[in-house]
């Protein structure tokens, strides 16, 4: 059974609203940044998460960015706690472990 939140986010108007809220949070970042503490980073991350989660256009741009800048993309994946990043990291570690085992023989 799907949760009520997943059912709600299947509605196009709700998804569009969440993208708008994400864009507003990203735009608010420079105003929150000067306040002491990590507020600006948190506001930006929340906005970026909403935009990437609910905007197909932003997802395509993000994939293009990751291909161009893999190390920066890895940081973004880590920050967004993306499942694909977790799987990719597990595969990379398994390959490294296998390569080290082959060198040992």
N, C-alpha and C. Protein backbone atom coordinates (compact mmCIF):
# COMPACT_ATOMS: atom_id res chain seq x y z
N UNK A 1 0.84 -1.18 0.00
CA UNK A 1 0.00 0.00 0.00
C UNK A 1 0.88 1.24 0.00
N UNK A 2 0.60 2.16 -0.91
CA UNK A 2 1.37 3.38 -0.98
C UNK A 2 0.98 4.33 0.14
N UNK A 3 1.94 5.13 0.54
CA UNK A 3 1.63 6.11 1.57
C UNK A 3 0.81 7.25 0.97
N UNK A 4 0.14 7.99 1.81
CA UNK A 4 -0.68 9.09 1.33
C UNK A 4 0.18 10.16 0.68
N UNK A 5 1.44 10.32 1.13
CA UNK A 5 2.31 11.35 0.55
C UNK A 5 2.65 11.00 -0.90
N UNK A 6 2.93 9.73 -1.18
CA UNK A 6 3.23 9.33 -2.56
C UNK A 6 2.01 9.52 -3.46
N UNK A 7 0.84 9.24 -2.93
CA UNK A 7 -0.37 9.47 -3.72
C UNK A 7 -0.56 10.95 -4.00
N UNK A 8 -0.25 11.78 -3.03
CA UNK A 8 -0.41 13.22 -3.18
C UNK A 8 0.59 13.78 -4.20
N UNK A 9 1.82 13.28 -4.19
CA UNK A 9 2.83 13.81 -5.10
C UNK A 9 2.66 13.29 -6.52
N UNK A 10 1.72 12.40 -6.77
CA UNK A 10 1.42 11.99 -8.14
C UNK A 10 0.58 13.03 -8.86
N UNK A 11 0.02 13.98 -8.14
CA UNK A 11 -0.80 15.04 -8.73
C UNK A 11 0.15 16.11 -9.29
N UNK A 12 -0.03 16.45 -10.55
CA UNK A 12 0.88 17.38 -11.24
C UNK A 12 0.94 18.75 -10.55
N UNK A 13 -0.18 19.25 -10.07
CA UNK A 13 -0.19 20.56 -9.43
C UNK A 13 0.62 20.55 -8.13
N UNK A 14 0.55 19.46 -7.40
CA UNK A 14 1.31 19.35 -6.15
C UNK A 14 2.81 19.31 -6.46
N UNK A 15 3.18 18.53 -7.48
CA UNK A 15 4.58 18.45 -7.88
C UNK A 15 5.10 19.82 -8.32
N UNK A 16 4.30 20.53 -9.10
CA UNK A 16 4.70 21.87 -9.55
C UNK A 16 4.85 22.82 -8.36
N UNK A 17 3.95 22.70 -7.41
CA UNK A 17 4.04 23.54 -6.21
C UNK A 17 5.30 23.25 -5.41
N UNK A 18 5.67 21.98 -5.31
CA UNK A 18 6.88 21.62 -4.58
C UNK A 18 8.13 22.14 -5.30
N UNK A 19 8.11 22.14 -6.63
CA UNK A 19 9.24 22.70 -7.39
C UNK A 19 9.33 24.20 -7.14
N UNK A 20 8.20 24.87 -7.11
CA UNK A 20 8.19 26.32 -6.85
C UNK A 20 8.72 26.60 -5.45
N UNK A 21 8.29 25.82 -4.47
CA UNK A 21 8.78 26.00 -3.10
C UNK A 21 10.29 25.77 -3.05
N UNK A 22 10.78 24.76 -3.76
CA UNK A 22 12.21 24.51 -3.83
C UNK A 22 12.97 25.68 -4.43
N UNK A 23 12.42 26.24 -5.51
CA UNK A 23 13.07 27.41 -6.13
C UNK A 23 13.08 28.60 -5.18
N UNK A 24 11.99 28.79 -4.46
CA UNK A 24 11.95 29.89 -3.48
C UNK A 24 12.99 29.69 -2.38
N UNK A 25 13.15 28.46 -1.93
CA UNK A 25 14.16 28.19 -0.90
C UNK A 25 15.57 28.48 -1.43
N UNK A 26 15.82 28.09 -2.67
CA UNK A 26 17.14 28.37 -3.26
C UNK A 26 17.35 29.87 -3.38
N UNK A 27 16.30 30.61 -3.76
CA UNK A 27 16.41 32.08 -3.87
C UNK A 27 16.59 32.74 -2.51
N UNK A 28 16.08 32.14 -1.46
CA UNK A 28 16.21 32.70 -0.10
C UNK A 28 17.59 32.47 0.51
N UNK A 29 18.36 31.58 -0.09
CA UNK A 29 19.66 31.23 0.48
C UNK A 29 20.56 32.44 0.73
N UNK A 30 20.71 33.38 -0.22
CA UNK A 30 21.59 34.54 0.07
C UNK A 30 21.11 35.39 1.23
N UNK A 31 19.81 35.40 1.49
CA UNK A 31 19.29 36.18 2.61
C UNK A 31 19.54 35.48 3.95
N UNK A 32 19.51 34.17 3.93
CA UNK A 32 19.70 33.39 5.16
C UNK A 32 21.18 33.16 5.43
N UNK A 33 21.99 33.19 4.39
CA UNK A 33 23.43 32.91 4.52
C UNK A 33 24.16 33.74 5.55
N UNK A 34 23.95 35.06 5.60
CA UNK A 34 24.70 35.88 6.57
C UNK A 34 24.34 35.61 8.04
N UNK A 35 23.23 34.98 8.30
CA UNK A 35 22.85 34.67 9.68
C UNK A 35 23.84 33.64 10.21
N UNK A 36 24.33 33.82 11.44
CA UNK A 36 25.29 32.86 11.99
C UNK A 36 24.74 31.44 12.02
N UNK A 37 25.61 30.50 11.72
CA UNK A 37 25.22 29.09 11.69
C UNK A 37 25.11 28.59 10.26
N UNK A 38 24.79 27.33 10.13
CA UNK A 38 24.75 26.73 8.79
C UNK A 38 23.41 26.88 8.08
N UNK A 39 22.62 27.88 8.42
CA UNK A 39 21.27 28.04 7.88
C UNK A 39 21.22 28.10 6.37
N UNK A 40 22.14 28.84 5.75
CA UNK A 40 22.13 28.98 4.30
C UNK A 40 22.33 27.66 3.59
N UNK A 41 23.22 26.85 4.12
CA UNK A 41 23.50 25.55 3.50
C UNK A 41 22.27 24.65 3.61
N UNK A 42 21.62 24.66 4.74
CA UNK A 42 20.45 23.81 4.96
C UNK A 42 19.29 24.26 4.07
N UNK A 43 19.08 25.57 3.96
CA UNK A 43 18.00 26.08 3.12
C UNK A 43 18.27 25.74 1.66
N UNK A 44 19.51 25.92 1.21
CA UNK A 44 19.85 25.59 -0.17
C UNK A 44 19.67 24.10 -0.44
N UNK A 45 20.14 23.26 0.47
CA UNK A 45 20.02 21.81 0.28
C UNK A 45 18.55 21.38 0.23
N UNK A 46 17.73 21.96 1.08
CA UNK A 46 16.30 21.61 1.08
C UNK A 46 15.65 22.02 -0.25
N UNK A 47 15.98 23.21 -0.73
CA UNK A 47 15.42 23.66 -2.00
C UNK A 47 15.90 22.81 -3.16
N UNK A 48 17.19 22.50 -3.18
CA UNK A 48 17.74 21.66 -4.25
C UNK A 48 17.12 20.27 -4.23
N UNK A 49 16.91 19.74 -3.06
CA UNK A 49 16.29 18.43 -2.93
C UNK A 49 14.88 18.43 -3.52
N UNK A 50 14.10 19.43 -3.18
CA UNK A 50 12.73 19.51 -3.72
C UNK A 50 12.74 19.65 -5.24
N UNK A 51 13.61 20.50 -5.75
CA UNK A 51 13.64 20.71 -7.19
C UNK A 51 14.09 19.44 -7.92
N UNK A 52 15.15 18.81 -7.44
CA UNK A 52 15.64 17.60 -8.10
C UNK A 52 14.66 16.43 -7.97
N UNK A 53 13.95 16.40 -6.90
CA UNK A 53 13.03 15.28 -6.67
C UNK A 53 11.80 15.35 -7.56
N UNK A 54 11.32 16.56 -7.83
CA UNK A 54 10.03 16.69 -8.50
C UNK A 54 10.08 17.36 -9.87
N UNK A 55 11.26 17.67 -10.39
CA UNK A 55 11.36 18.32 -11.70
C UNK A 55 12.17 17.43 -12.66
N UNK A 56 11.55 16.98 -13.74
CA UNK A 56 12.25 16.16 -14.72
C UNK A 56 13.34 16.96 -15.42
N UNK A 57 13.07 18.23 -15.72
CA UNK A 57 14.06 19.09 -16.36
C UNK A 57 15.31 19.21 -15.49
N UNK A 58 15.12 19.43 -14.20
CA UNK A 58 16.25 19.58 -13.29
C UNK A 58 17.03 18.27 -13.17
N UNK A 59 16.34 17.14 -13.19
CA UNK A 59 17.01 15.84 -13.13
C UNK A 59 17.92 15.66 -14.33
N UNK A 60 17.44 16.03 -15.53
CA UNK A 60 18.27 15.91 -16.74
C UNK A 60 19.50 16.80 -16.65
N UNK A 61 19.33 18.02 -16.17
CA UNK A 61 20.46 18.93 -16.01
C UNK A 61 21.45 18.39 -14.98
N UNK A 62 20.93 17.79 -13.92
CA UNK A 62 21.77 17.22 -12.88
C UNK A 62 22.61 16.06 -13.41
N UNK A 63 22.01 15.21 -14.23
CA UNK A 63 22.75 14.09 -14.84
C UNK A 63 23.85 14.63 -15.74
N UNK A 64 23.54 15.66 -16.52
CA UNK A 64 24.55 16.27 -17.39
C UNK A 64 25.70 16.85 -16.54
N UNK A 65 25.37 17.51 -15.46
CA UNK A 65 26.38 18.08 -14.55
C UNK A 65 27.26 16.98 -13.96
N UNK A 66 26.64 15.88 -13.55
CA UNK A 66 27.40 14.78 -12.95
C UNK A 66 28.36 14.15 -13.93
N UNK A 67 27.96 14.04 -15.19
CA UNK A 67 28.85 13.47 -16.20
C UNK A 67 30.04 14.38 -16.45
N UNK A 68 29.80 15.67 -16.38
CA UNK A 68 30.87 16.65 -16.63
C UNK A 68 31.80 16.78 -15.41
N UNK A 69 31.25 16.71 -14.22
CA UNK A 69 32.00 16.89 -12.98
C UNK A 69 31.69 15.74 -12.01
N UNK A 70 32.31 14.56 -12.20
CA UNK A 70 31.94 13.40 -11.38
C UNK A 70 32.18 13.58 -9.88
N UNK A 71 33.26 14.25 -9.50
CA UNK A 71 33.52 14.40 -8.06
C UNK A 71 32.49 15.30 -7.40
N UNK A 72 32.11 16.37 -8.06
CA UNK A 72 31.08 17.25 -7.49
C UNK A 72 29.73 16.54 -7.46
N UNK A 73 29.46 15.72 -8.47
CA UNK A 73 28.22 14.95 -8.50
C UNK A 73 28.16 13.95 -7.35
N UNK A 74 29.32 13.39 -7.00
CA UNK A 74 29.36 12.44 -5.88
C UNK A 74 28.99 13.14 -4.57
N UNK A 75 29.48 14.37 -4.39
CA UNK A 75 29.13 15.14 -3.19
C UNK A 75 27.64 15.43 -3.16
N UNK A 76 27.09 15.79 -4.30
CA UNK A 76 25.65 16.08 -4.35
C UNK A 76 24.84 14.82 -4.06
N UNK A 77 25.26 13.70 -4.61
CA UNK A 77 24.56 12.43 -4.32
C UNK A 77 24.60 12.12 -2.84
N UNK A 78 25.78 12.30 -2.25
CA UNK A 78 25.92 12.03 -0.82
C UNK A 78 24.99 12.95 -0.02
N UNK A 79 24.96 14.22 -0.39
CA UNK A 79 24.13 15.18 0.33
C UNK A 79 22.64 14.90 0.17
N UNK A 80 22.25 14.40 -0.98
CA UNK A 80 20.84 14.10 -1.23
C UNK A 80 20.45 12.70 -0.79
N UNK A 81 21.43 11.91 -0.33
CA UNK A 81 21.20 10.54 0.12
C UNK A 81 20.51 9.71 -0.96
N UNK A 82 21.01 9.82 -2.18
CA UNK A 82 20.40 9.13 -3.30
C UNK A 82 20.74 7.65 -3.28
N UNK A 83 19.72 6.82 -3.51
CA UNK A 83 19.91 5.36 -3.52
C UNK A 83 20.85 4.93 -4.62
N UNK A 84 20.79 5.59 -5.77
CA UNK A 84 21.67 5.22 -6.88
C UNK A 84 23.13 5.46 -6.50
N UNK A 85 23.39 6.51 -5.74
CA UNK A 85 24.76 6.78 -5.32
C UNK A 85 25.24 5.70 -4.37
N UNK A 86 24.37 5.24 -3.50
CA UNK A 86 24.73 4.19 -2.55
C UNK A 86 25.08 2.90 -3.29
N UNK A 87 24.26 2.54 -4.28
CA UNK A 87 24.53 1.33 -5.06
C UNK A 87 25.82 1.46 -5.85
N UNK A 88 26.04 2.62 -6.45
CA UNK A 88 27.25 2.85 -7.23
C UNK A 88 28.49 2.75 -6.34
N UNK A 89 28.42 3.29 -5.14
CA UNK A 89 29.54 3.24 -4.20
C UNK A 89 29.82 1.81 -3.76
N UNK A 90 28.76 1.03 -3.52
CA UNK A 90 28.94 -0.38 -3.14
C UNK A 90 29.61 -1.16 -4.27
N UNK A 91 29.18 -0.90 -5.52
CA UNK A 91 29.81 -1.57 -6.67
C UNK A 91 31.28 -1.21 -6.79
N UNK A 92 31.58 0.09 -6.60
CA UNK A 92 32.97 0.55 -6.70
C UNK A 92 33.83 -0.13 -5.64
N UNK A 93 33.33 -0.21 -4.42
CA UNK A 93 34.09 -0.86 -3.35
C UNK A 93 34.29 -2.34 -3.63
N UNK A 94 33.25 -3.00 -4.16
CA UNK A 94 33.37 -4.43 -4.49
C UNK A 94 34.42 -4.65 -5.58
N UNK A 95 34.44 -3.77 -6.58
CA UNK A 95 35.45 -3.88 -7.64
C UNK A 95 36.86 -3.66 -7.10
N UNK A 96 37.00 -2.68 -6.21
CA UNK A 96 38.31 -2.41 -5.62
C UNK A 96 38.77 -3.60 -4.78
N UNK A 97 37.87 -4.18 -4.01
CA UNK A 97 38.20 -5.33 -3.18
C UNK A 97 38.61 -6.51 -4.06
N UNK A 98 37.88 -6.72 -5.15
CA UNK A 98 38.21 -7.80 -6.08
C UNK A 98 39.56 -7.56 -6.75
N UNK A 99 39.86 -6.33 -7.11
CA UNK A 99 41.13 -6.00 -7.74
C UNK A 99 42.29 -6.20 -6.76
N UNK A 100 42.07 -5.85 -5.51
CA UNK A 100 43.12 -6.04 -4.50
C UNK A 100 43.36 -7.52 -4.25
N UNK A 101 42.30 -8.31 -4.26
CA UNK A 101 42.43 -9.76 -4.06
C UNK A 101 43.20 -10.39 -5.23
N UNK A 102 42.95 -9.89 -6.45
CA UNK A 102 43.67 -10.41 -7.62
C UNK A 102 45.15 -10.08 -7.55
N UNK A 103 45.49 -8.91 -7.04
CA UNK A 103 46.90 -8.52 -6.91
C UNK A 103 47.63 -9.37 -5.88
N UNK A 104 46.88 -9.82 -4.88
CA UNK A 104 47.47 -10.62 -3.81
C UNK A 104 47.86 -12.02 -4.25
N UNK A 105 47.27 -12.53 -5.31
CA UNK A 105 47.55 -13.89 -5.79
C UNK A 105 48.82 -13.94 -6.56
